[in-house]
Amino acid sequence: MVITHHGGQCFKVTLGDLTIVFDPVNKGATLPSSRFGADIALVSRDHPDMNGVSEVTYGEKVPFAITGPGEYERQEVVIQGFLSGSAYGLAKGQTAALNTIYALELEDMTIVHLGALADT
């Protein structure tokens, strides 16, 4: 398993031929975006710094996009999304936003991604 940080909240997890990405950066965001193919894309908050599913669609790889809380299973990966709040990148007058914390079960390990948590 290889875990690569691509800036901001964006992390890529590669396990054999499987590629999972957390919070891919969208084109035109405040952070630089990365371009690669992913099998599963997890978006914790609907914000350009972390909702760039199109940026991880590359070649024949079109990711299965998960954009909110719930239980999912894809390519032998069990994924749980838990609702939380976020103060990251709020629009003027906005006091809070929704964030999803993801827990993945793969290869007898649990990986947790907290998403867009921010100090207020």
N, C-alpha and C. Protein backbone atom coordinates (compact mmCIF):
# COMPACT_ATOMS: atom_id res chain seq x y z
N MET A 1 0.85 -1.17 0.00
CA MET A 1 0.00 0.00 0.00
C MET A 1 0.90 1.24 0.00
N VAL A 2 0.54 2.18 -0.87
CA VAL A 2 1.27 3.44 -0.95
C VAL A 2 0.27 4.57 -0.73
N ILE A 3 0.58 5.47 0.21
CA ILE A 3 -0.26 6.64 0.48
C ILE A 3 0.53 7.88 0.08
N THR A 4 -0.07 8.69 -0.81
CA THR A 4 0.60 9.88 -1.33
C THR A 4 -0.24 11.11 -1.04
N HIS A 5 0.39 12.15 -0.47
CA HIS A 5 -0.29 13.42 -0.21
C HIS A 5 -0.14 14.31 -1.43
N HIS A 6 -1.26 14.84 -1.92
CA HIS A 6 -1.25 15.70 -3.11
C HIS A 6 -1.59 17.15 -2.77
N GLY A 7 -1.44 17.55 -1.52
CA GLY A 7 -1.74 18.92 -1.11
C GLY A 7 -3.13 19.04 -0.51
N GLY A 8 -3.27 19.99 0.40
CA GLY A 8 -4.57 20.19 1.05
C GLY A 8 -5.03 18.93 1.75
N GLN A 9 -6.28 18.56 1.51
CA GLN A 9 -6.84 17.34 2.10
C GLN A 9 -6.74 16.15 1.15
N CYS A 10 -6.11 16.31 -0.01
CA CYS A 10 -6.08 15.27 -1.05
C CYS A 10 -5.00 14.23 -0.77
N PHE A 11 -5.45 12.98 -0.64
CA PHE A 11 -4.56 11.84 -0.47
C PHE A 11 -4.94 10.75 -1.46
N LYS A 12 -3.93 10.11 -2.03
CA LYS A 12 -4.15 8.97 -2.93
C LYS A 12 -3.63 7.72 -2.24
N VAL A 13 -4.46 6.68 -2.23
CA VAL A 13 -4.07 5.39 -1.67
C VAL A 13 -4.04 4.39 -2.82
N THR A 14 -2.89 3.77 -3.04
CA THR A 14 -2.73 2.79 -4.10
C THR A 14 -2.44 1.44 -3.47
N LEU A 15 -3.23 0.45 -3.87
CA LEU A 15 -3.09 -0.91 -3.36
C LEU A 15 -3.19 -1.84 -4.56
N GLY A 16 -2.05 -2.29 -5.08
CA GLY A 16 -2.05 -3.08 -6.31
C GLY A 16 -2.58 -2.23 -7.46
N ASP A 17 -3.61 -2.73 -8.15
CA ASP A 17 -4.22 -1.99 -9.26
C ASP A 17 -5.31 -1.03 -8.81
N LEU A 18 -5.64 -1.03 -7.53
CA LEU A 18 -6.72 -0.19 -6.99
C LEU A 18 -6.18 1.17 -6.56
N THR A 19 -6.85 2.23 -7.00
CA THR A 19 -6.49 3.59 -6.60
C THR A 19 -7.71 4.27 -5.98
N ILE A 20 -7.53 4.74 -4.76
CA ILE A 20 -8.58 5.46 -4.03
C ILE A 20 -8.06 6.86 -3.77
N VAL A 21 -8.90 7.86 -3.95
CA VAL A 21 -8.48 9.24 -3.67
C VAL A 21 -9.48 9.88 -2.72
N PHE A 22 -8.93 10.59 -1.75
CA PHE A 22 -9.72 11.39 -0.81
C PHE A 22 -9.62 12.84 -1.23
N ASP A 23 -10.72 13.53 -1.35
CA ASP A 23 -10.79 14.97 -1.59
C ASP A 23 -9.91 15.45 -2.75
N PRO A 24 -10.16 14.95 -3.96
CA PRO A 24 -9.39 15.44 -5.11
C PRO A 24 -9.66 16.93 -5.36
N VAL A 25 -8.61 17.67 -5.65
CA VAL A 25 -8.72 19.12 -5.87
C VAL A 25 -9.28 19.37 -7.26
N ASN A 26 -10.25 20.26 -7.36
CA ASN A 26 -10.88 20.62 -8.62
C ASN A 26 -10.04 21.65 -9.37
N LYS A 27 -10.15 21.65 -10.68
CA LYS A 27 -9.46 22.65 -11.50
C LYS A 27 -10.00 24.04 -11.11
N GLY A 28 -9.14 25.01 -10.97
CA GLY A 28 -9.55 26.37 -10.62
C GLY A 28 -9.71 26.59 -9.12
N ALA A 29 -9.35 25.60 -8.31
CA ALA A 29 -9.43 25.76 -6.85
C ALA A 29 -8.26 26.59 -6.36
N THR A 30 -8.24 26.88 -5.06
CA THR A 30 -7.13 27.64 -4.48
C THR A 30 -5.87 26.80 -4.37
N LEU A 31 -6.00 25.47 -4.46
CA LEU A 31 -4.87 24.55 -4.39
C LEU A 31 -4.57 24.00 -5.78
N PRO A 32 -3.34 23.59 -6.06
CA PRO A 32 -3.05 22.99 -7.36
C PRO A 32 -3.69 21.60 -7.46
N SER A 33 -4.24 21.29 -8.62
CA SER A 33 -4.89 19.98 -8.80
C SER A 33 -3.90 18.97 -9.36
N SER A 34 -4.18 17.71 -9.13
CA SER A 34 -3.39 16.60 -9.67
C SER A 34 -4.24 15.85 -10.67
N ARG A 35 -3.60 15.26 -11.66
CA ARG A 35 -4.34 14.54 -12.70
C ARG A 35 -3.87 13.09 -12.71
N PHE A 36 -4.75 12.18 -12.34
CA PHE A 36 -4.47 10.74 -12.39
C PHE A 36 -5.80 10.01 -12.39
N GLY A 37 -5.77 8.74 -12.70
CA GLY A 37 -6.99 7.93 -12.71
C GLY A 37 -7.22 7.28 -11.36
N ALA A 38 -8.46 7.29 -10.90
CA ALA A 38 -8.82 6.66 -9.62
C ALA A 38 -10.01 5.73 -9.83
N ASP A 39 -10.08 4.70 -9.01
CA ASP A 39 -11.21 3.78 -9.04
C ASP A 39 -12.33 4.24 -8.12
N ILE A 40 -11.95 4.83 -6.99
CA ILE A 40 -12.91 5.32 -6.00
C ILE A 40 -12.48 6.72 -5.60
N ALA A 41 -13.42 7.68 -5.62
CA ALA A 41 -13.15 9.05 -5.18
C ALA A 41 -14.09 9.39 -4.04
N LEU A 42 -13.53 9.84 -2.93
CA LEU A 42 -14.30 10.20 -1.74
C LEU A 42 -14.21 11.71 -1.54
N VAL A 43 -15.36 12.35 -1.49
CA VAL A 43 -15.44 13.81 -1.35
C VAL A 43 -16.04 14.12 0.01
N SER A 44 -15.27 14.80 0.87
CA SER A 44 -15.76 15.09 2.22
C SER A 44 -16.60 16.36 2.29
N ARG A 45 -16.35 17.30 1.40
CA ARG A 45 -17.07 18.58 1.42
C ARG A 45 -17.22 19.09 -0.01
N ASP A 46 -18.38 19.65 -0.33
CA ASP A 46 -18.62 20.18 -1.66
C ASP A 46 -17.99 21.57 -1.78
N HIS A 47 -16.69 21.57 -2.00
CA HIS A 47 -15.89 22.79 -2.11
C HIS A 47 -14.84 22.52 -3.18
N PRO A 48 -14.49 23.49 -4.03
CA PRO A 48 -13.51 23.24 -5.11
C PRO A 48 -12.17 22.67 -4.65
N ASP A 49 -11.78 22.94 -3.40
CA ASP A 49 -10.51 22.40 -2.91
C ASP A 49 -10.58 20.89 -2.68
N MET A 50 -11.78 20.31 -2.76
CA MET A 50 -11.90 18.88 -2.47
C MET A 50 -13.01 18.15 -3.22
N ASN A 51 -13.55 18.72 -4.30
CA ASN A 51 -14.62 18.01 -5.03
C ASN A 51 -14.27 17.78 -6.51
N GLY A 52 -13.01 17.59 -6.81
CA GLY A 52 -12.55 17.46 -8.20
C GLY A 52 -12.58 16.05 -8.75
N VAL A 53 -13.74 15.42 -8.72
CA VAL A 53 -13.85 14.05 -9.25
C VAL A 53 -13.44 14.01 -10.72
N SER A 54 -13.74 15.04 -11.48
CA SER A 54 -13.36 15.06 -12.90
C SER A 54 -11.84 15.05 -13.08
N GLU A 55 -11.10 15.54 -12.11
CA GLU A 55 -9.64 15.57 -12.20
C GLU A 55 -9.02 14.20 -11.99
N VAL A 56 -9.76 13.26 -11.43
CA VAL A 56 -9.24 11.90 -11.23
C VAL A 56 -9.95 10.90 -12.15
N THR A 57 -10.61 11.43 -13.18
CA THR A 57 -11.13 10.63 -14.28
C THR A 57 -10.09 10.74 -15.38
N TYR A 58 -9.42 9.64 -15.68
CA TYR A 58 -8.30 9.70 -16.61
C TYR A 58 -8.21 8.39 -17.39
N GLY A 59 -8.09 8.50 -18.68
CA GLY A 59 -8.04 7.29 -19.51
C GLY A 59 -9.33 6.51 -19.36
N GLU A 60 -9.20 5.22 -19.08
CA GLU A 60 -10.37 4.37 -18.90
C GLU A 60 -10.87 4.37 -17.47
N LYS A 61 -10.18 5.05 -16.57
CA LYS A 61 -10.60 5.06 -15.17
C LYS A 61 -11.59 6.18 -14.90
N VAL A 62 -12.81 5.79 -14.58
CA VAL A 62 -13.85 6.72 -14.16
C VAL A 62 -14.21 6.31 -12.74
N PRO A 63 -13.92 7.15 -11.75
CA PRO A 63 -14.09 6.73 -10.36
C PRO A 63 -15.55 6.59 -9.95
N PHE A 64 -15.77 5.66 -9.03
CA PHE A 64 -17.03 5.56 -8.32
C PHE A 64 -16.96 6.67 -7.27
N ALA A 65 -17.80 7.68 -7.40
CA ALA A 65 -17.73 8.86 -6.52
C ALA A 65 -18.67 8.71 -5.33
N ILE A 66 -18.13 8.94 -4.15
CA ILE A 66 -18.91 8.94 -2.91
C ILE A 66 -18.82 10.34 -2.34
N THR A 67 -19.98 10.98 -2.16
CA THR A 67 -19.99 12.39 -1.78
C THR A 67 -20.75 12.68 -0.50
N GLY A 68 -20.95 11.68 0.33
CA GLY A 68 -21.67 11.94 1.57
C GLY A 68 -21.76 10.72 2.46
N PRO A 69 -22.42 10.89 3.61
CA PRO A 69 -22.52 9.82 4.60
C PRO A 69 -23.24 8.59 4.05
N GLY A 70 -22.94 7.44 4.64
CA GLY A 70 -23.59 6.19 4.28
C GLY A 70 -22.62 5.04 4.34
N GLU A 71 -23.11 3.86 3.98
CA GLU A 71 -22.27 2.66 3.93
C GLU A 71 -22.17 2.20 2.49
N TYR A 72 -20.96 1.88 2.06
CA TYR A 72 -20.70 1.53 0.67
C TYR A 72 -19.74 0.35 0.63
N GLU A 73 -19.82 -0.42 -0.44
CA GLU A 73 -18.81 -1.45 -0.69
C GLU A 73 -18.52 -1.45 -2.18
N ARG A 74 -17.26 -1.33 -2.51
CA ARG A 74 -16.85 -1.25 -3.91
C ARG A 74 -15.48 -1.90 -4.04
N GLN A 75 -15.33 -2.81 -4.97
CA GLN A 75 -14.06 -3.48 -5.24
C GLN A 75 -13.42 -4.03 -3.96
N GLU A 76 -14.24 -4.69 -3.15
CA GLU A 76 -13.82 -5.32 -1.90
C GLU A 76 -13.33 -4.33 -0.85
N VAL A 77 -13.70 -3.07 -0.98
CA VAL A 77 -13.38 -2.05 0.01
C VAL A 77 -14.69 -1.66 0.69
N VAL A 78 -14.73 -1.77 2.02
CA VAL A 78 -15.91 -1.37 2.79
C VAL A 78 -15.68 0.06 3.26
N ILE A 79 -16.63 0.93 2.96
CA ILE A 79 -16.49 2.36 3.25
C ILE A 79 -17.68 2.82 4.07
N GLN A 80 -17.40 3.54 5.15
CA GLN A 80 -18.45 4.18 5.95
C GLN A 80 -18.19 5.67 5.96
N GLY A 81 -19.26 6.45 5.73
CA GLY A 81 -19.17 7.90 5.79
C GLY A 81 -20.00 8.42 6.95
N PHE A 82 -19.41 9.26 7.77
CA PHE A 82 -20.07 9.80 8.96
C PHE A 82 -20.19 11.32 8.82
N LEU A 83 -21.38 11.82 9.05
CA LEU A 83 -21.65 13.26 8.93
C LEU A 83 -21.01 14.03 10.07
N SER A 84 -20.38 15.16 9.72
CA SER A 84 -19.83 16.08 10.72
C SER A 84 -19.95 17.49 10.16
N GLY A 85 -19.53 18.45 10.94
CA GLY A 85 -19.55 19.84 10.50
C GLY A 85 -18.18 20.30 10.06
N SER A 86 -18.14 21.43 9.37
CA SER A 86 -16.87 21.98 8.91
C SER A 86 -16.95 23.50 8.90
N ALA A 87 -15.83 24.12 9.20
CA ALA A 87 -15.73 25.57 9.09
C ALA A 87 -14.77 25.95 7.97
N TYR A 88 -14.40 24.97 7.14
CA TYR A 88 -13.42 25.19 6.07
C TYR A 88 -14.06 25.91 4.89
N GLY A 89 -13.43 26.96 4.42
CA GLY A 89 -13.82 27.63 3.18
C GLY A 89 -15.26 28.11 3.13
N LEU A 90 -15.74 28.66 4.21
CA LEU A 90 -17.13 29.11 4.26
C LEU A 90 -17.35 30.35 3.40
N ALA A 91 -18.50 30.41 2.77
CA ALA A 91 -18.89 31.59 2.00
C ALA A 91 -19.27 32.71 2.97
N LYS A 92 -19.26 33.93 2.48
CA LYS A 92 -19.60 35.08 3.32
C LYS A 92 -21.00 34.88 3.92
N GLY A 93 -21.08 35.03 5.23
CA GLY A 93 -22.33 34.87 5.95
C GLY A 93 -22.65 33.44 6.36
N GLN A 94 -21.90 32.48 5.84
CA GLN A 94 -22.12 31.08 6.18
C GLN A 94 -21.41 30.78 7.49
N THR A 95 -22.07 30.07 8.40
CA THR A 95 -21.47 29.79 9.71
C THR A 95 -20.95 28.36 9.84
N ALA A 96 -21.45 27.45 9.01
CA ALA A 96 -21.00 26.06 9.06
C ALA A 96 -21.36 25.37 7.75
N ALA A 97 -20.71 24.26 7.51
CA ALA A 97 -20.98 23.46 6.31
C ALA A 97 -20.91 21.98 6.70
N LEU A 98 -21.40 21.13 5.81
CA LEU A 98 -21.37 19.70 6.07
C LEU A 98 -20.04 19.11 5.63
N ASN A 99 -19.57 18.13 6.37
CA ASN A 99 -18.33 17.42 6.10
C ASN A 99 -18.61 15.94 6.32
N THR A 100 -17.95 15.09 5.58
CA THR A 100 -18.08 13.65 5.79
C THR A 100 -16.73 13.08 6.19
N ILE A 101 -16.72 12.35 7.29
CA ILE A 101 -15.53 11.63 7.74
C ILE A 101 -15.65 10.21 7.19
N TYR A 102 -14.61 9.72 6.54
CA TYR A 102 -14.65 8.40 5.92
C TYR A 102 -13.75 7.41 6.65
N ALA A 103 -14.27 6.19 6.83
CA ALA A 103 -13.49 5.07 7.36
C ALA A 103 -13.53 3.95 6.33
N LEU A 104 -12.37 3.45 5.93
CA LEU A 104 -12.25 2.38 4.93
C LEU A 104 -11.64 1.15 5.56
N GLU A 105 -12.20 0.01 5.24
CA GLU A 105 -11.64 -1.27 5.67
C GLU A 105 -11.03 -1.94 4.45
N LEU A 106 -9.71 -2.12 4.46
CA LEU A 106 -9.05 -2.83 3.38
C LEU A 106 -7.76 -3.44 3.88
N GLU A 107 -7.46 -4.62 3.39
CA GLU A 107 -6.24 -5.34 3.76
C GLU A 107 -6.07 -5.44 5.27
N ASP A 108 -7.15 -5.77 5.99
CA ASP A 108 -7.14 -5.92 7.45
C ASP A 108 -6.70 -4.66 8.18
N MET A 109 -6.92 -3.51 7.56
CA MET A 109 -6.61 -2.22 8.19
C MET A 109 -7.80 -1.30 8.06
N THR A 110 -7.83 -0.31 8.92
CA THR A 110 -8.83 0.76 8.82
C THR A 110 -8.09 2.06 8.56
N ILE A 111 -8.52 2.75 7.50
CA ILE A 111 -7.97 4.07 7.19
C ILE A 111 -9.09 5.07 7.42
N VAL A 112 -8.81 6.13 8.17
CA VAL A 112 -9.80 7.17 8.45
C VAL A 112 -9.31 8.49 7.87
N HIS A 113 -10.21 9.17 7.16
CA HIS A 113 -9.90 10.49 6.59
C HIS A 113 -10.91 11.47 7.18
N LEU A 114 -10.41 12.47 7.89
CA LEU A 114 -11.30 13.41 8.59
C LEU A 114 -11.89 14.47 7.69
N GLY A 115 -11.31 14.66 6.51
CA GLY A 115 -11.89 15.61 5.57
C GLY A 115 -11.56 17.05 5.91
N ALA A 116 -12.57 17.90 5.82
CA ALA A 116 -12.37 19.34 5.91
C ALA A 116 -12.66 19.91 7.29
N LEU A 117 -12.10 19.32 8.30
CA LEU A 117 -12.24 19.90 9.63
C LEU A 117 -11.36 21.14 9.70
N ALA A 118 -11.80 22.17 10.38
CA ALA A 118 -11.02 23.41 10.50
C ALA A 118 -11.32 24.06 11.83
N ASP A 119 -10.34 24.77 12.36
CA ASP A 119 -10.55 25.53 13.59
C ASP A 119 -11.45 26.72 13.30
N THR A 120 -12.25 27.08 14.29
CA THR A 120 -13.10 28.27 14.14
C THR A 120 -12.62 29.36 15.06
